[in-house]
Amino acid sequence: MSLQDQLDALKTNFESKAPKEALDVMHRATDDLRKSGILNGILNLGAKIPDFSLKNAKGTMCHSKDILSESPMILTFYRGKW
């Protein structure tokens, strides 16, 4: 089963059990995000990522251009602070 199939099954299962009021709120929020234009900034498959700089897990500033000049890059975002 592909990841998309798994996600679709998870969504179907969730929506079959969640209260209608909660689903209405979630669907409205999703529609509001779409209408905000947030999807306009999404890169398409195969698009080149723009150059950027971010701090790594140790707090050191890293530049994508420098990393990509040496090797492929994996970008991971952590939610919150510890």
C-alpha atoms as a PDB file:
ATOM      1  CA  MET A   1       0.000   0.000   0.000  1.00  0.00           C
ATOM      2  CA  SER A   2       1.433   3.380  -0.995  1.00  0.00           C
ATOM      3  CA  LEU A   3       1.827   6.242   1.453  1.00  0.00           C
ATOM      4  CA  GLN A   4      -1.012   8.096  -0.290  1.00  0.00           C
ATOM      5  CA  ASP A   5      -3.254   5.037   0.077  1.00  0.00           C
ATOM      6  CA  GLN A   6      -2.397   4.862   3.784  1.00  0.00           C
ATOM      7  CA  LEU A   7      -3.115   8.573   4.256  1.00  0.00           C
ATOM      8  CA  ASP A   8      -6.420   8.267   2.401  1.00  0.00           C
ATOM      9  CA  ALA A   9      -7.424   5.297   4.577  1.00  0.00           C
ATOM     10  CA  LEU A  10      -6.458   7.179   7.733  1.00  0.00           C
ATOM     11  CA  LYS A  11      -8.520  10.189   6.657  1.00  0.00           C
ATOM     12  CA  THR A  12     -11.524   8.039   5.775  1.00  0.00           C
ATOM     13  CA  ASN A  13     -11.323   6.223   9.100  1.00  0.00           C
ATOM     14  CA  PHE A  14     -10.970   9.478  11.051  1.00  0.00           C
ATOM     15  CA  GLU A  15     -13.837  11.171   9.229  1.00  0.00           C
ATOM     16  CA  SER A  16     -16.111   8.172   9.833  1.00  0.00           C
ATOM     17  CA  LYS A  17     -15.611   8.498  13.607  1.00  0.00           C
ATOM     18  CA  ALA A  18     -15.114  12.218  14.292  1.00  0.00           C
ATOM     19  CA  PRO A  19     -18.047  14.416  15.354  1.00  0.00           C
ATOM     20  CA  LYS A  20     -19.613  16.391  12.494  1.00  0.00           C
ATOM     21  CA  GLU A  21     -18.967  19.680  14.315  1.00  0.00           C
ATOM     22  CA  ALA A  22     -15.237  18.935  14.511  1.00  0.00           C
ATOM     23  CA  LEU A  23     -15.106  17.952  10.845  1.00  0.00           C
ATOM     24  CA  ASP A  24     -16.929  21.152   9.873  1.00  0.00           C
ATOM     25  CA  VAL A  25     -14.331  23.235  11.730  1.00  0.00           C
ATOM     26  CA  MET A  26     -11.453  21.324  10.148  1.00  0.00           C
ATOM     27  CA  HIS A  27     -12.887  21.586   6.631  1.00  0.00           C
ATOM     28  CA  ARG A  28     -13.535  25.324   7.061  1.00  0.00           C
ATOM     29  CA  ALA A  29      -9.960  25.831   8.264  1.00  0.00           C
ATOM     30  CA  THR A  30      -8.633  23.873   5.281  1.00  0.00           C
ATOM     31  CA  ASP A  31     -10.751  25.945   2.891  1.00  0.00           C
ATOM     32  CA  ASP A  32      -9.552  29.163   4.555  1.00  0.00           C
ATOM     33  CA  LEU A  33      -5.931  28.087   4.089  1.00  0.00           C
ATOM     34  CA  ARG A  34      -6.529  27.339   0.409  1.00  0.00           C
ATOM     35  CA  LYS A  35      -8.227  30.720  -0.085  1.00  0.00           C
ATOM     36  CA  SER A  36      -5.333  32.501   1.659  1.00  0.00           C
ATOM     37  CA  GLY A  37      -3.022  31.668  -1.238  1.00  0.00           C
ATOM     38  CA  ILE A  38      -0.695  29.539   0.877  1.00  0.00           C
ATOM     39  CA  LEU A  39      -0.657  26.861  -1.823  1.00  0.00           C
ATOM     40  CA  ASN A  40       0.806  29.327  -4.335  1.00  0.00           C
ATOM     41  CA  GLY A  41       4.224  29.046  -2.682  1.00  0.00           C
ATOM     42  CA  ILE A  42       4.457  25.258  -2.828  1.00  0.00           C
ATOM     43  CA  LEU A  43       7.214  23.823  -4.979  1.00  0.00           C
ATOM     44  CA  ASN A  44       6.199  21.264  -7.572  1.00  0.00           C
ATOM     45  CA  LEU A  45       7.820  17.861  -7.855  1.00  0.00           C
ATOM     46  CA  GLY A  46      11.248  18.256  -9.427  1.00  0.00           C
ATOM     47  CA  ALA A  47      11.455  22.010  -8.769  1.00  0.00           C
ATOM     48  CA  LYS A  48      14.727  23.435  -7.483  1.00  0.00           C
ATOM     49  CA  ILE A  49      14.557  24.612  -3.883  1.00  0.00           C
ATOM     50  CA  PRO A  50      15.467  28.292  -3.409  1.00  0.00           C
ATOM     51  CA  ASP A  51      18.668  29.070  -1.488  1.00  0.00           C
ATOM     52  CA  PHE A  52      18.080  29.491   2.237  1.00  0.00           C
ATOM     53  CA  SER A  53      19.862  29.663   5.579  1.00  0.00           C
ATOM     54  CA  LEU A  54      18.684  28.006   8.792  1.00  0.00           C
ATOM     55  CA  LYS A  55      20.159  27.103  12.136  1.00  0.00           C
ATOM     56  CA  ASN A  56      20.895  23.413  12.596  1.00  0.00           C
ATOM     57  CA  ALA A  57      20.103  21.394  15.736  1.00  0.00           C
ATOM     58  CA  LYS A  58      23.275  22.759  17.366  1.00  0.00           C
ATOM     59  CA  GLY A  59      22.364  26.381  16.635  1.00  0.00           C
ATOM     60  CA  THR A  60      24.953  26.817  13.867  1.00  0.00           C
ATOM     61  CA  MET A  61      23.791  28.751  10.800  1.00  0.00           C
ATOM     62  CA  CYS A  62      23.801  26.498   7.720  1.00  0.00           C
ATOM     63  CA  HIS A  63      23.425  27.653   4.122  1.00  0.00           C
ATOM     64  CA  SER A  64      21.737  25.351   1.626  1.00  0.00           C
ATOM     65  CA  LYS A  65      24.029  26.425  -1.192  1.00  0.00           C
ATOM     66  CA  ASP A  66      27.117  25.361   0.792  1.00  0.00           C
ATOM     67  CA  ILE A  67      25.665  21.983   1.724  1.00  0.00           C
ATOM     68  CA  LEU A  68      24.404  21.216  -1.779  1.00  0.00           C
ATOM     69  CA  SER A  69      27.803  22.061  -3.276  1.00  0.00           C
ATOM     70  CA  GLU A  70      29.238  19.113  -1.327  1.00  0.00           C
ATOM     71  CA  SER A  71      26.455  16.521  -1.159  1.00  0.00           C
ATOM     72  CA  PRO A  72      22.706  15.909  -1.281  1.00  0.00           C
ATOM     73  CA  MET A  73      20.770  17.414   1.615  1.00  0.00           C
ATOM     74  CA  ILE A  74      18.005  16.129   3.859  1.00  0.00           C
ATOM     75  CA  LEU A  75      15.958  18.840   5.524  1.00  0.00           C
ATOM     76  CA  THR A  76      14.091  17.960   8.721  1.00  0.00           C
ATOM     77  CA  PHE A  77      11.906  20.310  10.747  1.00  0.00           C
ATOM     78  CA  TYR A  78      11.388  19.716  14.452  1.00  0.00           C
ATOM     79  CA  ARG A  79       8.233  21.001  16.067  1.00  0.00           C
ATOM     80  CA  GLY A  80       8.677  23.001  19.227  1.00  0.00           C
ATOM     81  CA  LYS A  81      11.683  23.573  21.447  1.00  0.00           C
ATOM     82  CA  TRP A  82      13.342  21.380  23.984  1.00  0.00           C
END
